[in-house]
PDB file of N, CA and C in Angstrom:
ATOM      1  N   UNK A   1     105.335 101.822 119.980  1.00  0.00           N
ATOM      2  CA  UNK A   1     105.243 103.036 120.771  1.00  0.00           C
ATOM      3  C   UNK A   1     103.771 103.410 120.903  1.00  0.00           C
ATOM      4  N   UNK A   2     103.342 103.655 122.117  1.00  0.00           N
ATOM      5  CA  UNK A   2     101.964 104.082 122.332  1.00  0.00           C
ATOM      6  C   UNK A   2     101.920 105.605 122.494  1.00  0.00           C
ATOM      7  N   UNK A   3     100.726 106.136 122.716  1.00  0.00           N
ATOM      8  CA  UNK A   3     100.550 107.587 122.788  1.00  0.00           C
ATOM      9  C   UNK A   3     101.357 108.211 123.934  1.00  0.00           C
ATOM     10  N   UNK A   4     101.363 107.581 125.085  1.00  0.00           N
ATOM     11  CA  UNK A   4     102.106 108.101 126.231  1.00  0.00           C
ATOM     12  C   UNK A   4     103.598 108.180 125.931  1.00  0.00           C
ATOM     13  N   UNK A   5     104.124 107.135 125.315  1.00  0.00           N
ATOM     14  CA  UNK A   5     105.546 107.122 124.951  1.00  0.00           C
ATOM     15  C   UNK A   5     105.847 108.164 123.883  1.00  0.00           C
ATOM     16  N   UNK A   6     104.924 108.356 122.944  1.00  0.00           N
ATOM     17  CA  UNK A   6     105.087 109.374 121.906  1.00  0.00           C
ATOM     18  C   UNK A   6     105.149 110.767 122.533  1.00  0.00           C
ATOM     19  N   UNK A   7     104.223 111.054 123.438  1.00  0.00           N
ATOM     20  CA  UNK A   7     104.197 112.357 124.107  1.00  0.00           C
ATOM     21  C   UNK A   7     105.500 112.594 124.862  1.00  0.00           C
ATOM     22  N   UNK A   8     105.971 111.581 125.569  1.00  0.00           N
ATOM     23  CA  UNK A   8     107.212 111.720 126.339  1.00  0.00           C
ATOM     24  C   UNK A   8     108.404 111.974 125.418  1.00  0.00           C
ATOM     25  N   UNK A   9     108.476 111.249 124.316  1.00  0.00           N
ATOM     26  CA  UNK A   9     109.581 111.404 123.376  1.00  0.00           C
ATOM     27  C   UNK A   9     109.588 112.799 122.742  1.00  0.00           C
ATOM     28  N   UNK A  10     108.418 113.261 122.308  1.00  0.00           N
ATOM     29  CA  UNK A  10     108.326 114.598 121.713  1.00  0.00           C
ATOM     30  C   UNK A  10     108.662 115.652 122.754  1.00  0.00           C
ATOM     31  N   UNK A  11     108.180 115.472 123.965  1.00  0.00           N
ATOM     32  CA  UNK A  11     108.436 116.410 125.053  1.00  0.00           C
ATOM     33  C   UNK A  11     109.934 116.574 125.302  1.00  0.00           C
ATOM     34  N   UNK A  12     110.646 115.464 125.315  1.00  0.00           N
ATOM     35  CA  UNK A  12     112.098 115.502 125.535  1.00  0.00           C
ATOM     36  C   UNK A  12     112.826 116.158 124.367  1.00  0.00           C
ATOM     37  N   UNK A  13     112.450 115.793 123.140  1.00  0.00           N
ATOM     38  CA  UNK A  13     113.128 116.337 121.958  1.00  0.00           C
ATOM     39  C   UNK A  13     112.861 117.822 121.764  1.00  0.00           C
ATOM     40  N   UNK A  14     111.635 118.266 122.064  1.00  0.00           N
ATOM     41  CA  UNK A  14     111.267 119.663 121.861  1.00  0.00           C
ATOM     42  C   UNK A  14     111.489 120.498 123.120  1.00  0.00           C
ATOM     43  N   UNK A  15     111.905 119.858 124.200  1.00  0.00           N
ATOM     44  CA  UNK A  15     112.127 120.519 125.479  1.00  0.00           C
ATOM     45  C   UNK A  15     110.882 121.293 125.920  1.00  0.00           C
ATOM     46  N   UNK A  16     109.752 120.580 125.916  1.00  0.00           N
ATOM     47  CA  UNK A  16     108.473 121.133 126.348  1.00  0.00           C
ATOM     48  C   UNK A  16     107.979 120.360 127.553  1.00  0.00           C
ATOM     49  N   UNK A  17     107.044 120.966 128.276  1.00  0.00           N
ATOM     50  CA  UNK A  17     106.400 120.255 129.378  1.00  0.00           C
ATOM     51  C   UNK A  17     105.581 119.109 128.799  1.00  0.00           C
ATOM     52  N   UNK A  18     105.496 118.022 129.542  1.00  0.00           N
ATOM     53  CA  UNK A  18     104.724 116.862 129.096  1.00  0.00           C
ATOM     54  C   UNK A  18     103.261 117.253 128.879  1.00  0.00           C
ATOM     55  N   UNK A  19     102.712 118.083 129.771  1.00  0.00           N
ATOM     56  CA  UNK A  19     101.305 118.487 129.633  1.00  0.00           C
ATOM     57  C   UNK A  19     101.084 119.315 128.366  1.00  0.00           C
ATOM     58  N   UNK A  20     102.036 120.190 128.032  1.00  0.00           N
ATOM     59  CA  UNK A  20     101.923 120.986 126.803  1.00  0.00           C
ATOM     60  C   UNK A  20     102.020 120.090 125.574  1.00  0.00           C
ATOM     61  N   UNK A  21     102.916 119.136 125.632  1.00  0.00           N
ATOM     62  CA  UNK A  21     103.093 118.210 124.518  1.00  0.00           C
ATOM     63  C   UNK A  21     101.859 117.338 124.337  1.00  0.00           C
ATOM     64  N   UNK A  22     101.270 116.893 125.449  1.00  0.00           N
ATOM     65  CA  UNK A  22     100.066 116.080 125.362  1.00  0.00           C
ATOM     66  C   UNK A  22      98.926 116.868 124.729  1.00  0.00           C
ATOM     67  N   UNK A  23      98.793 118.142 125.093  1.00  0.00           N
ATOM     68  CA  UNK A  23      97.781 119.010 124.465  1.00  0.00           C
ATOM     69  C   UNK A  23      98.044 119.166 122.976  1.00  0.00           C
ATOM     70  N   UNK A  24      99.304 119.292 122.606  1.00  0.00           N
ATOM     71  CA  UNK A  24      99.677 119.427 121.202  1.00  0.00           C
ATOM     72  C   UNK A  24      99.313 118.171 120.415  1.00  0.00           C
ATOM     73  N   UNK A  25      99.664 117.011 120.940  1.00  0.00           N
ATOM     74  CA  UNK A  25      99.364 115.738 120.267  1.00  0.00           C
ATOM     75  C   UNK A  25      97.856 115.535 120.155  1.00  0.00           C
ATOM     76  N   UNK A  26      97.122 115.810 121.231  1.00  0.00           N
ATOM     77  CA  UNK A  26      95.663 115.673 121.193  1.00  0.00           C
ATOM     78  C   UNK A  26      95.040 116.636 120.183  1.00  0.00           C
ATOM     79  N   UNK A  27      95.561 117.843 120.104  1.00  0.00           N
ATOM     80  CA  UNK A  27      95.056 118.817 119.136  1.00  0.00           C
ATOM     81  C   UNK A  27      95.321 118.364 117.706  1.00  0.00           C
ATOM     82  N   UNK A  28      96.491 117.777 117.477  1.00  0.00           N
ATOM     83  CA  UNK A  28      96.821 117.256 116.151  1.00  0.00           C
ATOM     84  C   UNK A  28      95.846 116.143 115.770  1.00  0.00           C
ATOM     85  N   UNK A  29      95.623 115.216 116.680  1.00  0.00           N
ATOM     86  CA  UNK A  29      94.709 114.100 116.415  1.00  0.00           C
ATOM     87  C   UNK A  29      93.298 114.616 116.149  1.00  0.00           C
ATOM     88  N   UNK A  30      92.841 115.551 116.970  1.00  0.00           N
ATOM     89  CA  UNK A  30      91.497 116.122 116.795  1.00  0.00           C
ATOM     90  C   UNK A  30      91.361 116.833 115.449  1.00  0.00           C
ATOM     91  N   UNK A  31      92.392 117.575 115.058  1.00  0.00           N
ATOM     92  CA  UNK A  31      92.354 118.317 113.796  1.00  0.00           C
ATOM     93  C   UNK A  31      92.317 117.378 112.603  1.00  0.00           C
ATOM     94  N   UNK A  32      93.151 116.350 112.611  1.00  0.00           N
ATOM     95  CA  UNK A  32      93.164 115.369 111.514  1.00  0.00           C
ATOM     96  C   UNK A  32      91.833 114.638 111.459  1.00  0.00           C
ATOM     97  N   UNK A  33      91.312 114.238 112.616  1.00  0.00           N
ATOM     98  CA  UNK A  33      90.031 113.530 112.675  1.00  0.00           C
ATOM     99  C   UNK A  33      88.907 114.383 112.105  1.00  0.00           C
ATOM    100  N   UNK A  34      88.850 115.640 112.490  1.00  0.00           N
ATOM    101  CA  UNK A  34      87.798 116.540 112.009  1.00  0.00           C
ATOM    102  C   UNK A  34      87.888 116.737 110.492  1.00  0.00           C
ATOM    103  N   UNK A  35      89.094 116.877 109.981  1.00  0.00           N
ATOM    104  CA  UNK A  35      89.271 117.048 108.535  1.00  0.00           C
ATOM    105  C   UNK A  35      88.833 115.794 107.784  1.00  0.00           C
ATOM    106  N   UNK A  36      89.144 114.620 108.312  1.00  0.00           N
ATOM    107  CA  UNK A  36      88.731 113.374 107.665  1.00  0.00           C
ATOM    108  C   UNK A  36      87.216 113.189 107.736  1.00  0.00           C
ATOM    109  N   UNK A  37      86.598 113.616 108.838  1.00  0.00           N
ATOM    110  CA  UNK A  37      85.137 113.551 108.943  1.00  0.00           C
ATOM    111  C   UNK A  37      84.480 114.378 107.848  1.00  0.00           C
ATOM    112  N   UNK A  38      85.138 115.488 107.478  1.00  0.00           N
ATOM    113  CA  UNK A  38      84.618 116.376 106.436  1.00  0.00           C
ATOM    114  C   UNK A  38      85.071 115.945 105.042  1.00  0.00           C
ATOM    115  N   UNK A  39      85.562 114.710 104.923  1.00  0.00           N
ATOM    116  CA  UNK A  39      86.006 114.117 103.654  1.00  0.00           C
ATOM    117  C   UNK A  39      87.208 114.842 103.054  1.00  0.00           C
ATOM    118  N   UNK A  40      87.962 115.539 103.887  1.00  0.00           N
ATOM    119  CA  UNK A  40      89.158 116.242 103.431  1.00  0.00           C
ATOM    120  C   UNK A  40      90.389 115.366 103.589  1.00  0.00           C
ATOM    121  N   UNK A  41      91.548 115.993 103.426  1.00  0.00           N
ATOM    122  CA  UNK A  41      92.794 115.265 103.642  1.00  0.00           C
ATOM    123  C   UNK A  41      93.815 116.208 104.259  1.00  0.00           C
ATOM    124  N   UNK A  42      94.790 115.618 104.939  1.00  0.00           N
ATOM    125  CA  UNK A  42      95.854 116.376 105.579  1.00  0.00           C
ATOM    126  C   UNK A  42      97.167 115.879 104.997  1.00  0.00           C
ATOM    127  N   UNK A  43      97.901 116.795 104.368  1.00  0.00           N
ATOM    128  CA  UNK A  43      99.169 116.445 103.738  1.00  0.00           C
ATOM    129  C   UNK A  43     100.310 117.103 104.500  1.00  0.00           C
ATOM    130  N   UNK A  44     101.253 116.300 104.943  1.00  0.00           N
ATOM    131  CA  UNK A  44     102.465 116.782 105.587  1.00  0.00           C
ATOM    132  C   UNK A  44     103.609 116.431 104.642  1.00  0.00           C
ATOM    133  N   UNK A  45     104.059 117.428 103.882  1.00  0.00           N
ATOM    134  CA  UNK A  45     105.065 117.198 102.840  1.00  0.00           C
ATOM    135  C   UNK A  45     106.287 116.512 103.445  1.00  0.00           C
ATOM    136  N   UNK A  46     106.705 115.433 102.818  1.00  0.00           N
ATOM    137  CA  UNK A  46     107.852 114.669 103.271  1.00  0.00           C
ATOM    138  C   UNK A  46     107.500 113.587 104.281  1.00  0.00           C
ATOM    139  N   UNK A  47     106.332 113.695 104.903  1.00  0.00           N
ATOM    140  CA  UNK A  47     105.917 112.696 105.885  1.00  0.00           C
ATOM    141  C   UNK A  47     104.846 111.791 105.311  1.00  0.00           C
ATOM    142  N   UNK A  48     103.722 112.384 104.883  1.00  0.00           N
ATOM    143  CA  UNK A  48     102.659 111.568 104.311  1.00  0.00           C
ATOM    144  C   UNK A  48     101.336 112.293 104.288  1.00  0.00           C
ATOM    145  N   UNK A  49     100.305 111.568 103.846  1.00  0.00           N
ATOM    146  CA  UNK A  49      98.976 112.136 103.695  1.00  0.00           C
ATOM    147  C   UNK A  49      97.943 111.248 104.386  1.00  0.00           C
ATOM    148  N   UNK A  50      97.113 111.887 105.214  1.00  0.00           N
ATOM    149  CA  UNK A  50      95.960 111.232 105.816  1.00  0.00           C
ATOM    150  C   UNK A  50      94.765 111.556 104.936  1.00  0.00           C
ATOM    151  N   UNK A  51      94.001 110.554 104.528  1.00  0.00           N
ATOM    152  CA  UNK A  51      92.839 110.799 103.679  1.00  0.00           C
ATOM    153  C   UNK A  51      91.782 109.735 103.937  1.00  0.00           C
ATOM    154  N   UNK A  52      90.679 109.848 103.194  1.00  0.00           N
ATOM    155  CA  UNK A  52      89.573 108.900 103.294  1.00  0.00           C
ATOM    156  C   UNK A  52      89.490 108.104 101.994  1.00  0.00           C
ATOM    157  N   UNK A  53      89.332 106.793 102.119  1.00  0.00           N
ATOM    158  CA  UNK A  53      89.126 105.935 100.955  1.00  0.00           C
ATOM    159  C   UNK A  53      87.751 105.294 101.087  1.00  0.00           C
ATOM    160  N   UNK A  54      87.067 105.141  99.973  1.00  0.00           N
ATOM    161  CA  UNK A  54      85.748 104.519  99.980  1.00  0.00           C
ATOM    162  C   UNK A  54      85.890 103.055  99.580  1.00  0.00           C
ATOM    163  N   UNK A  55      85.388 102.178 100.415  1.00  0.00           N
ATOM    164  CA  UNK A  55      85.385 100.752 100.090  1.00  0.00           C
ATOM    165  C   UNK A  55      83.998 100.379  99.598  1.00  0.00           C
ATOM    166  N   UNK A  56      83.953  99.755  98.439  1.00  0.00           N
ATOM    167  CA  UNK A  56      82.680  99.352  97.840  1.00  0.00           C
ATOM    168  C   UNK A  56      82.080  98.174  98.607  1.00  0.00           C
ATOM    169  N   UNK A  57      80.775  98.008  98.438  1.00  0.00           N
ATOM    170  CA  UNK A  57      80.102  96.844  99.006  1.00  0.00           C
ATOM    171  C   UNK A  57      80.666  95.591  98.347  1.00  0.00           C
ATOM    172  N   UNK A  58      80.839  94.542  99.146  1.00  0.00           N
ATOM    173  CA  UNK A  58      81.365  93.296  98.584  1.00  0.00           C
ATOM    174  C   UNK A  58      80.764  92.107  99.306  1.00  0.00           C
ATOM    175  N   UNK A  59      80.994  90.946  98.736  1.00  0.00           N
ATOM    176  CA  UNK A  59      80.509  89.707  99.325  1.00  0.00           C
ATOM    177  C   UNK A  59      81.670  89.031 100.032  1.00  0.00           C
ATOM    178  N   UNK A  60      81.434  88.621 101.274  1.00  0.00           N
ATOM    179  CA  UNK A  60      82.443  87.919 102.052  1.00  0.00           C
ATOM    180  C   UNK A  60      81.910  86.579 102.507  1.00  0.00           C
ATOM    181  N   UNK A  61      82.709  85.875 103.275  1.00  0.00           N
ATOM    182  CA  UNK A  61      82.314  84.564 103.782  1.00  0.00           C
ATOM    183  C   UNK A  61      82.479  84.555 105.295  1.00  0.00           C
ATOM    184  N   UNK A  62      81.429  84.141 106.002  1.00  0.00           N
ATOM    185  CA  UNK A  62      81.497  83.989 107.449  1.00  0.00           C
ATOM    186  C   UNK A  62      82.397  82.792 107.733  1.00  0.00           C
ATOM    187  N   UNK A  63      83.525  82.987 108.424  1.00  0.00           N
ATOM    188  CA  UNK A  63      84.455  81.879 108.635  1.00  0.00           C
ATOM    189  C   UNK A  63      83.898  80.748 109.497  1.00  0.00           C
ATOM    190  N   UNK A  64      82.932  81.039 110.367  1.00  0.00           N
ATOM    191  CA  UNK A  64      82.365  79.988 111.221  1.00  0.00           C
ATOM    192  C   UNK A  64      81.381  79.105 110.465  1.00  0.00           C
ATOM    193  N   UNK A  65      80.496  79.763 109.677  1.00  0.00           N
ATOM    194  CA  UNK A  65      79.431  79.004 109.019  1.00  0.00           C
ATOM    195  C   UNK A  65      79.710  78.710 107.558  1.00  0.00           C
ATOM    196  N   UNK A  66      80.590  79.479 106.949  1.00  0.00           N
ATOM    197  CA  UNK A  66      80.864  79.303 105.522  1.00  0.00           C
ATOM    198  C   UNK A  66      79.836  79.983 104.635  1.00  0.00           C
ATOM    199  N   UNK A  67      78.826  80.636 105.247  1.00  0.00           N
ATOM    200  CA  UNK A  67      77.789  81.321 104.466  1.00  0.00           C
ATOM    201  C   UNK A  67      78.327  82.625 103.889  1.00  0.00           C
ATOM    202  N   UNK A  68      77.811  82.958 102.704  1.00  0.00           N
ATOM    203  CA  UNK A  68      78.166  84.233 102.086  1.00  0.00           C
ATOM    204  C   UNK A  68      77.391  85.350 102.778  1.00  0.00           C
ATOM    205  N   UNK A  69      78.084  86.462 103.003  1.00  0.00           N
ATOM    206  CA  UNK A  69      77.452  87.622 103.624  1.00  0.00           C
ATOM    207  C   UNK A  69      77.806  88.875 102.829  1.00  0.00           C
ATOM    208  N   UNK A  70      76.944  89.892 102.916  1.00  0.00           N
ATOM    209  CA  UNK A  70      77.223  91.170 102.269  1.00  0.00           C
ATOM    210  C   UNK A  70      77.966  92.065 103.251  1.00  0.00           C
ATOM    211  N   UNK A  71      79.035  92.651 102.791  1.00  0.00           N
ATOM    212  CA  UNK A  71      79.784  93.611 103.589  1.00  0.00           C
ATOM    213  C   UNK A  71      79.471  94.984 103.011  1.00  0.00           C
ATOM    214  N   UNK A  72      78.878  95.844 103.837  1.00  0.00           N
ATOM    215  CA  UNK A  72      78.426  97.153 103.382  1.00  0.00           C
ATOM    216  C   UNK A  72      79.596  98.034 102.960  1.00  0.00           C
ATOM    217  N   UNK A  73      79.300  98.979 102.068  1.00  0.00           N
ATOM    218  CA  UNK A  73      80.315  99.949 101.671  1.00  0.00           C
ATOM    219  C   UNK A  73      80.551 100.896 102.839  1.00  0.00           C
ATOM    220  N   UNK A  74      81.768 101.445 102.895  1.00  0.00           N
ATOM    221  CA  UNK A  74      82.089 102.370 103.982  1.00  0.00           C
ATOM    222  C   UNK A  74      83.317 103.200 103.623  1.00  0.00           C
ATOM    223  N   UNK A  75      83.451 104.313 104.332  1.00  0.00           N
ATOM    224  CA  UNK A  75      84.635 105.149 104.208  1.00  0.00           C
ATOM    225  C   UNK A  75      85.601 104.762 105.324  1.00  0.00           C
ATOM    226  N   UNK A  76      86.890 104.667 104.981  1.00  0.00           N
ATOM    227  CA  UNK A  76      87.899 104.285 105.965  1.00  0.00           C
ATOM    228  C   UNK A  76      89.075 105.263 105.895  1.00  0.00           C
ATOM    229  N   UNK A  77      89.704 105.536 107.046  1.00  0.00           N
ATOM    230  CA  UNK A  77      90.874 106.415 107.033  1.00  0.00           C
ATOM    231  C   UNK A  77      92.078 105.678 106.445  1.00  0.00           C
ATOM    232  N   UNK A  78      92.903 106.434 105.718  1.00  0.00           N
ATOM    233  CA  UNK A  78      94.071 105.867 105.052  1.00  0.00           C
ATOM    234  C   UNK A  78      95.263 106.794 105.283  1.00  0.00           C
ATOM    235  N   UNK A  79      96.444 106.218 105.484  1.00  0.00           N
ATOM    236  CA  UNK A  79      97.670 107.002 105.551  1.00  0.00           C
ATOM    237  C   UNK A  79      98.597 106.511 104.468  1.00  0.00           C
ATOM    238  N   UNK A  80      99.080 107.446 103.643  1.00  0.00           N
ATOM    239  CA  UNK A  80     100.042 107.093 102.598  1.00  0.00           C
ATOM    240  C   UNK A  80     101.349 107.801 102.921  1.00  0.00           C
ATOM    241  N   UNK A  81     102.401 107.032 103.130  1.00  0.00           N
ATOM    242  CA  UNK A  81     103.701 107.587 103.489  1.00  0.00           C
ATOM    243  C   UNK A  81     104.280 108.398 102.340  1.00  0.00           C
ATOM    244  N   UNK A  82     104.924 109.496 102.686  1.00  0.00           N
ATOM    245  CA  UNK A  82     105.580 110.344 101.687  1.00  0.00           C
ATOM    246  C   UNK A  82     106.927 109.772 101.279  1.00  0.00           C
ATOM    247  N   UNK A  83     107.461 110.306 100.203  1.00  0.00           N
ATOM    248  CA  UNK A  83     108.718 109.815  99.654  1.00  0.00           C
ATOM    249  C   UNK A  83     109.868 109.930 100.657  1.00  0.00           C
ATOM    250  N   UNK A  84     109.973 111.081 101.330  1.00  0.00           N
ATOM    251  CA  UNK A  84     111.067 111.281 102.280  1.00  0.00           C
ATOM    252  C   UNK A  84     110.991 110.283 103.431  1.00  0.00           C
ATOM    253  N   UNK A  85     109.805 110.019 103.946  1.00  0.00           N
ATOM    254  CA  UNK A  85     109.633 109.046 105.033  1.00  0.00           C
ATOM    255  C   UNK A  85     110.044 107.649 104.567  1.00  0.00           C
ATOM    256  N   UNK A  86     109.593 107.288 103.371  1.00  0.00           N
ATOM    257  CA  UNK A  86     109.932 105.965 102.834  1.00  0.00           C
ATOM    258  C   UNK A  86     111.453 105.794 102.705  1.00  0.00           C
ATOM    259  N   UNK A  87     112.113 106.854 102.253  1.00  0.00           N
ATOM    260  CA  UNK A  87     113.589 106.780 102.075  1.00  0.00           C
ATOM    261  C   UNK A  87     114.307 106.687 103.404  1.00  0.00           C
ATOM    262  N   UNK A  88     113.787 107.350 104.437  1.00  0.00           N
ATOM    263  CA  UNK A  88     114.449 107.342 105.744  1.00  0.00           C
ATOM    264  C   UNK A  88     114.358 105.992 106.445  1.00  0.00           C
ATOM    265  N   UNK A  89     113.339 105.192 106.138  1.00  0.00           N
ATOM    266  CA  UNK A  89     113.185 103.915 106.846  1.00  0.00           C
ATOM    267  C   UNK A  89     113.675 102.712 106.055  1.00  0.00           C
ATOM    268  N   UNK A  90     114.315 102.951 104.935  1.00  0.00           N
ATOM    269  CA  UNK A  90     114.834 101.836 104.123  1.00  0.00           C
ATOM    270  C   UNK A  90     115.866 101.049 104.884  1.00  0.00           C
TER     271      UNK A  90
END
């Protein structure tokens, strides 16, 4: 499912205009993104948690040349599914 299909599905289920639903989805994405930029987290009880994980610097291998390369440390977004979500998709 892509973003357009998600907006349409939510619009139908919530009986909202597609344009209102699209604004809602975009606002949700913007809010989560801004919170993660500030190193925070967003917890939706029963659904899951969006957070930031720090990956340490490590050594990798260039698959073309076989040479060892350094991979810089970085922060990456992470989603951890909540218990209720995990149980619903079993």
